Each structure stands twice: as C-alpha cells, then as structure tokens.
C-alpha cells in the first residue's frame, strides 16, 4: 500500500464510517418490508436512520 500514489490511499476509518452509513440505509429499507412496527416513534427513528445514513454516505463518498 505504500507504493500507491497519495490520492489513491484509503482511509480505513472513513471507509468503515461509510460502511456504517450504508448499513443504516439497508436496515431502514429492510424495516419497511420485513419488520412490522406499530409505534410511530419507531417508524420515525427508522426513517431518520435511513436519511442520515444516505446523507452521510454521499458526503463521505465525495470526500473519498
């Protein structure tokens, strides 16, 4: 990895954060299809997890 040009180096912690953001989006969509939730607060929390995960993913993808 040390022979790669500077702009091609990976920042592992940002990759891990981007993975976490992607998983928030995936779990937010899985919730809609497979996990019935009765509470409006739980539905709101899953929606927020999805939207924050999407925003974070795109911000980090633009940075990396």
PDB file of N, CA and C in Angstrom:
ATOM      1  N   UNK A   1       0.817  -1.187   0.000  1.00  0.00           N
ATOM      2  CA  UNK A   1       0.000   0.000   0.000  1.00  0.00           C
ATOM      3  C   UNK A   1       0.864   1.256   0.000  1.00  0.00           C
ATOM      4  N   UNK A   2       2.075   1.162   0.416  1.00  0.00           N
ATOM      5  CA  UNK A   2       2.936   2.338   0.472  1.00  0.00           C
ATOM      6  C   UNK A   2       3.399   2.785  -0.907  1.00  0.00           C
ATOM      7  N   UNK A   3       3.304   1.920  -1.919  1.00  0.00           N
ATOM      8  CA  UNK A   3       3.737   2.313  -3.257  1.00  0.00           C
ATOM      9  C   UNK A   3       2.622   2.968  -4.067  1.00  0.00           C
ATOM     10  N   UNK A   4       1.458   3.144  -3.473  1.00  0.00           N
ATOM     11  CA  UNK A   4       0.351   3.793  -4.170  1.00  0.00           C
ATOM     12  C   UNK A   4       0.534   5.305  -4.121  1.00  0.00           C
ATOM     13  N   UNK A   5       0.078   6.012  -5.158  1.00  0.00           N
ATOM     14  CA  UNK A   5       0.133   7.477  -5.109  1.00  0.00           C
ATOM     15  C   UNK A   5      -0.699   8.017  -3.949  1.00  0.00           C
ATOM     16  N   UNK A   6      -0.395   9.208  -3.520  1.00  0.00           N
ATOM     17  CA  UNK A   6      -1.058   9.786  -2.350  1.00  0.00           C
ATOM     18  C   UNK A   6      -2.577   9.852  -2.509  1.00  0.00           C
ATOM     19  N   UNK A   7      -3.062  10.221  -3.685  1.00  0.00           N
ATOM     20  CA  UNK A   7      -4.505  10.385  -3.854  1.00  0.00           C
ATOM     21  C   UNK A   7      -5.247   9.053  -3.928  1.00  0.00           C
ATOM     22  N   UNK A   8      -4.554   7.948  -4.025  1.00  0.00           N
ATOM     23  CA  UNK A   8      -5.198   6.634  -4.097  1.00  0.00           C
ATOM     24  C   UNK A   8      -5.193   5.902  -2.761  1.00  0.00           C
ATOM     25  N   UNK A   9      -4.591   6.468  -1.724  1.00  0.00           N
ATOM     26  CA  UNK A   9      -4.569   5.802  -0.419  1.00  0.00           C
ATOM     27  C   UNK A   9      -5.963   5.788   0.179  1.00  0.00           C
ATOM     28  N   UNK A  10      -6.271   4.717   0.876  1.00  0.00           N
ATOM     29  CA  UNK A  10      -7.571   4.572   1.520  1.00  0.00           C
ATOM     30  C   UNK A  10      -7.461   5.008   2.974  1.00  0.00           C
ATOM     31  N   UNK A  11      -8.466   5.648   3.463  1.00  0.00           N
ATOM     32  CA  UNK A  11      -8.564   5.996   4.874  1.00  0.00           C
ATOM     33  C   UNK A  11      -9.549   5.006   5.476  1.00  0.00           C
ATOM     34  N   UNK A  12      -9.014   4.063   6.215  1.00  0.00           N
ATOM     35  CA  UNK A  12      -9.800   2.932   6.688  1.00  0.00           C
ATOM     36  C   UNK A  12     -10.950   3.387   7.584  1.00  0.00           C
ATOM     37  N   UNK A  13     -10.709   4.348   8.432  1.00  0.00           N
ATOM     38  CA  UNK A  13     -11.776   4.792   9.331  1.00  0.00           C
ATOM     39  C   UNK A  13     -12.929   5.429   8.553  1.00  0.00           C
ATOM     40  N   UNK A  14     -12.635   6.151   7.477  1.00  0.00           N
ATOM     41  CA  UNK A  14     -13.710   6.725   6.663  1.00  0.00           C
ATOM     42  C   UNK A  14     -14.454   5.645   5.883  1.00  0.00           C
ATOM     43  N   UNK A  15     -13.715   4.631   5.434  1.00  0.00           N
ATOM     44  CA  UNK A  15     -14.371   3.504   4.765  1.00  0.00           C
ATOM     45  C   UNK A  15     -15.311   2.777   5.730  1.00  0.00           C
ATOM     46  N   UNK A  16     -14.890   2.624   6.978  1.00  0.00           N
ATOM     47  CA  UNK A  16     -15.737   1.968   7.978  1.00  0.00           C
ATOM     48  C   UNK A  16     -16.971   2.817   8.275  1.00  0.00           C
ATOM     49  N   UNK A  17     -16.805   4.118   8.353  1.00  0.00           N
ATOM     50  CA  UNK A  17     -17.945   5.002   8.591  1.00  0.00           C
ATOM     51  C   UNK A  17     -18.909   4.980   7.405  1.00  0.00           C
ATOM     52  N   UNK A  18     -18.362   4.905   6.198  1.00  0.00           N
ATOM     53  CA  UNK A  18     -19.207   4.811   5.010  1.00  0.00           C
ATOM     54  C   UNK A  18     -19.967   3.488   4.980  1.00  0.00           C
ATOM     55  N   UNK A  19     -19.325   2.413   5.421  1.00  0.00           N
ATOM     56  CA  UNK A  19     -19.997   1.118   5.530  1.00  0.00           C
ATOM     57  C   UNK A  19     -21.146   1.201   6.534  1.00  0.00           C
ATOM     58  N   UNK A  20     -20.901   1.832   7.681  1.00  0.00           N
ATOM     59  CA  UNK A  20     -21.944   2.002   8.686  1.00  0.00           C
ATOM     60  C   UNK A  20     -23.118   2.798   8.122  1.00  0.00           C
ATOM     61  N   UNK A  21     -22.824   3.844   7.372  1.00  0.00           N
ATOM     62  CA  UNK A  21     -23.890   4.652   6.771  1.00  0.00           C
ATOM     63  C   UNK A  21     -24.696   3.830   5.771  1.00  0.00           C
ATOM     64  N   UNK A  22     -24.014   3.018   4.980  1.00  0.00           N
ATOM     65  CA  UNK A  22     -24.717   2.166   4.017  1.00  0.00           C
ATOM     66  C   UNK A  22     -25.595   1.145   4.728  1.00  0.00           C
ATOM     67  N   UNK A  23     -25.121   0.606   5.832  1.00  0.00           N
ATOM     68  CA  UNK A  23     -25.921  -0.362   6.583  1.00  0.00           C
ATOM     69  C   UNK A  23     -27.143   0.293   7.217  1.00  0.00           C
ATOM     70  N   UNK A  24     -27.039   1.555   7.609  1.00  0.00           N
ATOM     71  CA  UNK A  24     -28.206   2.280   8.119  1.00  0.00           C
ATOM     72  C   UNK A  24     -29.284   2.365   7.045  1.00  0.00           C
ATOM     73  N   UNK A  25     -28.877   2.632   5.814  1.00  0.00           N
ATOM     74  CA  UNK A  25     -29.831   2.698   4.711  1.00  0.00           C
ATOM     75  C   UNK A  25     -30.438   1.325   4.451  1.00  0.00           C
ATOM     76  N   UNK A  26     -29.606   0.294   4.436  1.00  0.00           N
ATOM     77  CA  UNK A  26     -30.098  -1.070   4.189  1.00  0.00           C
ATOM     78  C   UNK A  26     -31.095  -1.485   5.270  1.00  0.00           C
ATOM     79  N   UNK A  27     -30.746  -1.287   6.529  1.00  0.00           N
ATOM     80  CA  UNK A  27     -31.654  -1.678   7.614  1.00  0.00           C
ATOM     81  C   UNK A  27     -32.931  -0.837   7.617  1.00  0.00           C
ATOM     82  N   UNK A  28     -32.825   0.410   7.210  1.00  0.00           N
ATOM     83  CA  UNK A  28     -34.026   1.235   7.094  1.00  0.00           C
ATOM     84  C   UNK A  28     -34.980   0.703   6.041  1.00  0.00           C
ATOM     85  N   UNK A  29     -34.449   0.180   4.945  1.00  0.00           N
ATOM     86  CA  UNK A  29     -35.297  -0.391   3.909  1.00  0.00           C
ATOM     87  C   UNK A  29     -35.801  -1.781   4.286  1.00  0.00           C
ATOM     88  N   UNK A  30     -34.995  -2.564   4.977  1.00  0.00           N
ATOM     89  CA  UNK A  30     -35.434  -3.885   5.433  1.00  0.00           C
ATOM     90  C   UNK A  30     -36.605  -3.733   6.398  1.00  0.00           C
ATOM     91  N   UNK A  31     -36.533  -2.731   7.233  1.00  0.00           N
ATOM     92  CA  UNK A  31     -37.607  -2.480   8.199  1.00  0.00           C
ATOM     93  C   UNK A  31     -38.954  -2.307   7.495  1.00  0.00           C
ATOM     94  N   UNK A  32     -38.966  -1.628   6.377  1.00  0.00           N
ATOM     95  CA  UNK A  32     -40.220  -1.365   5.664  1.00  0.00           C
ATOM     96  C   UNK A  32     -40.873  -2.664   5.201  1.00  0.00           C
ATOM     97  N   UNK A  33     -40.074  -3.594   4.690  1.00  0.00           N
ATOM     98  CA  UNK A  33     -40.623  -4.821   4.110  1.00  0.00           C
ATOM     99  C   UNK A  33     -40.882  -5.920   5.130  1.00  0.00           C
ATOM    100  N   UNK A  34     -39.976  -6.096   6.095  1.00  0.00           N
ATOM    101  CA  UNK A  34     -39.978  -7.328   6.872  1.00  0.00           C
ATOM    102  C   UNK A  34     -40.259  -7.174   8.365  1.00  0.00           C
ATOM    103  N   UNK A  35     -40.143  -5.991   8.896  1.00  0.00           N
ATOM    104  CA  UNK A  35     -40.318  -5.820  10.340  1.00  0.00           C
ATOM    105  C   UNK A  35     -41.509  -4.901  10.589  1.00  0.00           C
ATOM    106  N   UNK A  36     -42.642  -5.467  10.982  1.00  0.00           N
ATOM    107  CA  UNK A  36     -43.796  -4.602  11.252  1.00  0.00           C
ATOM    108  C   UNK A  36     -43.600  -3.832  12.566  1.00  0.00           C
ATOM    109  N   UNK A  37     -43.697  -2.538  12.487  1.00  0.00           N
ATOM    110  CA  UNK A  37     -43.527  -1.687  13.667  1.00  0.00           C
ATOM    111  C   UNK A  37     -44.820  -0.916  13.877  1.00  0.00           C
ATOM    112  N   UNK A  38     -45.356  -0.977  15.083  1.00  0.00           N
ATOM    113  CA  UNK A  38     -46.615  -0.312  15.385  1.00  0.00           C
ATOM    114  C   UNK A  38     -46.417   1.113  15.886  1.00  0.00           C
ATOM    115  N   UNK A  39     -45.304   1.366  16.537  1.00  0.00           N
ATOM    116  CA  UNK A  39     -45.071   2.670  17.147  1.00  0.00           C
ATOM    117  C   UNK A  39     -44.673   3.705  16.099  1.00  0.00           C
ATOM    118  N   UNK A  40     -45.300   4.860  16.159  1.00  0.00           N
ATOM    119  CA  UNK A  40     -44.947   5.947  15.235  1.00  0.00           C
ATOM    120  C   UNK A  40     -43.534   6.439  15.495  1.00  0.00           C
ATOM    121  N   UNK A  41     -43.085   6.369  16.744  1.00  0.00           N
ATOM    122  CA  UNK A  41     -41.727   6.800  17.075  1.00  0.00           C
ATOM    123  C   UNK A  41     -40.695   5.861  16.489  1.00  0.00           C
ATOM    124  N   UNK A  42     -40.975   4.570  16.487  1.00  0.00           N
ATOM    125  CA  UNK A  42     -40.048   3.615  15.886  1.00  0.00           C
ATOM    126  C   UNK A  42     -39.975   3.814  14.375  1.00  0.00           C
ATOM    127  N   UNK A  43     -41.126   4.072  13.757  1.00  0.00           N
ATOM    128  CA  UNK A  43     -41.128   4.336  12.315  1.00  0.00           C
ATOM    129  C   UNK A  43     -40.318   5.592  11.998  1.00  0.00           C
ATOM    130  N   UNK A  44     -40.481   6.614  12.810  1.00  0.00           N
ATOM    131  CA  UNK A  44     -39.730   7.843  12.607  1.00  0.00           C
ATOM    132  C   UNK A  44     -38.229   7.609  12.779  1.00  0.00           C
ATOM    133  N   UNK A  45     -37.859   6.790  13.777  1.00  0.00           N
ATOM    134  CA  UNK A  45     -36.443   6.507  14.026  1.00  0.00           C
ATOM    135  C   UNK A  45     -35.819   5.775  12.841  1.00  0.00           C
ATOM    136  N   UNK A  46     -36.552   4.812  12.275  1.00  0.00           N
ATOM    137  CA  UNK A  46     -36.025   4.104  11.102  1.00  0.00           C
ATOM    138  C   UNK A  46     -35.915   5.037   9.901  1.00  0.00           C
ATOM    139  N   UNK A  47     -36.878   5.935   9.744  1.00  0.00           N
ATOM    140  CA  UNK A  47     -36.814   6.894   8.646  1.00  0.00           C
ATOM    141  C   UNK A  47     -35.606   7.816   8.811  1.00  0.00           C
ATOM    142  N   UNK A  48     -35.390   8.293  10.027  1.00  0.00           N
ATOM    143  CA  UNK A  48     -34.252   9.166  10.286  1.00  0.00           C
ATOM    144  C   UNK A  48     -32.931   8.427  10.068  1.00  0.00           C
ATOM    145  N   UNK A  49     -32.881   7.162  10.502  1.00  0.00           N
ATOM    146  CA  UNK A  49     -31.661   6.373  10.308  1.00  0.00           C
ATOM    147  C   UNK A  49     -31.357   6.251   8.821  1.00  0.00           C
ATOM    148  N   UNK A  50     -32.395   6.050   8.034  1.00  0.00           N
ATOM    149  CA  UNK A  50     -32.221   5.914   6.594  1.00  0.00           C
ATOM    150  C   UNK A  50     -31.733   7.211   5.971  1.00  0.00           C
ATOM    151  N   UNK A  51     -32.352   8.309   6.328  1.00  0.00           N
ATOM    152  CA  UNK A  51     -31.998   9.578   5.698  1.00  0.00           C
ATOM    153  C   UNK A  51     -30.628  10.080   6.148  1.00  0.00           C
ATOM    154  N   UNK A  52     -30.309   9.921   7.413  1.00  0.00           N
ATOM    155  CA  UNK A  52     -28.975  10.321   7.891  1.00  0.00           C
ATOM    156  C   UNK A  52     -27.908   9.428   7.272  1.00  0.00           C
ATOM    157  N   UNK A  53     -28.183   8.133   7.179  1.00  0.00           N
ATOM    158  CA  UNK A  53     -27.226   7.212   6.563  1.00  0.00           C
ATOM    159  C   UNK A  53     -26.968   7.557   5.114  1.00  0.00           C
ATOM    160  N   UNK A  54     -28.022   7.903   4.373  1.00  0.00           N
ATOM    161  CA  UNK A  54     -27.859   8.259   2.967  1.00  0.00           C
ATOM    162  C   UNK A  54     -27.025   9.530   2.814  1.00  0.00           C
ATOM    163  N   UNK A  55     -27.342  10.539   3.610  1.00  0.00           N
ATOM    164  CA  UNK A  55     -26.607  11.799   3.542  1.00  0.00           C
ATOM    165  C   UNK A  55     -25.136  11.593   3.893  1.00  0.00           C
ATOM    166  N   UNK A  56     -24.880  10.865   4.960  1.00  0.00           N
ATOM    167  CA  UNK A  56     -23.507  10.609   5.384  1.00  0.00           C
ATOM    168  C   UNK A  56     -22.751   9.810   4.325  1.00  0.00           C
ATOM    169  N   UNK A  57     -23.406   8.820   3.739  1.00  0.00           N
ATOM    170  CA  UNK A  57     -22.760   8.017   2.700  1.00  0.00           C
ATOM    171  C   UNK A  57     -22.324   8.871   1.519  1.00  0.00           C
ATOM    172  N   UNK A  58     -23.206   9.749   1.054  1.00  0.00           N
ATOM    173  CA  UNK A  58     -22.862  10.576  -0.106  1.00  0.00           C
ATOM    174  C   UNK A  58     -21.801  11.617   0.224  1.00  0.00           C
ATOM    175  N   UNK A  59     -21.844  12.155   1.413  1.00  0.00           N
ATOM    176  CA  UNK A  59     -20.797  13.112   1.806  1.00  0.00           C
ATOM    177  C   UNK A  59     -19.440  12.437   1.846  1.00  0.00           C
ATOM    178  N   UNK A  60     -19.389  11.256   2.471  1.00  0.00           N
ATOM    179  CA  UNK A  60     -18.123  10.539   2.566  1.00  0.00           C
ATOM    180  C   UNK A  60     -17.650  10.028   1.207  1.00  0.00           C
ATOM    181  N   UNK A  61     -18.573   9.651   0.345  1.00  0.00           N
ATOM    182  CA  UNK A  61     -18.190   9.184  -0.986  1.00  0.00           C
ATOM    183  C   UNK A  61     -17.580  10.330  -1.795  1.00  0.00           C
ATOM    184  N   UNK A  62     -18.075  11.517  -1.613  1.00  0.00           N
ATOM    185  CA  UNK A  62     -17.490  12.668  -2.297  1.00  0.00           C
ATOM    186  C   UNK A  62     -16.131  13.039  -1.745  1.00  0.00           C
ATOM    187  N   UNK A  63     -15.936  12.800  -0.457  1.00  0.00           N
ATOM    188  CA  UNK A  63     -14.647  13.115   0.163  1.00  0.00           C
ATOM    189  C   UNK A  63     -13.584  12.102  -0.227  1.00  0.00           C
ATOM    190  N   UNK A  64     -13.950  10.844  -0.188  1.00  0.00           N
ATOM    191  CA  UNK A  64     -13.007   9.764  -0.511  1.00  0.00           C
ATOM    192  C   UNK A  64     -13.022   9.583  -1.972  1.00  0.00           C
TER     193      UNK A  64
END
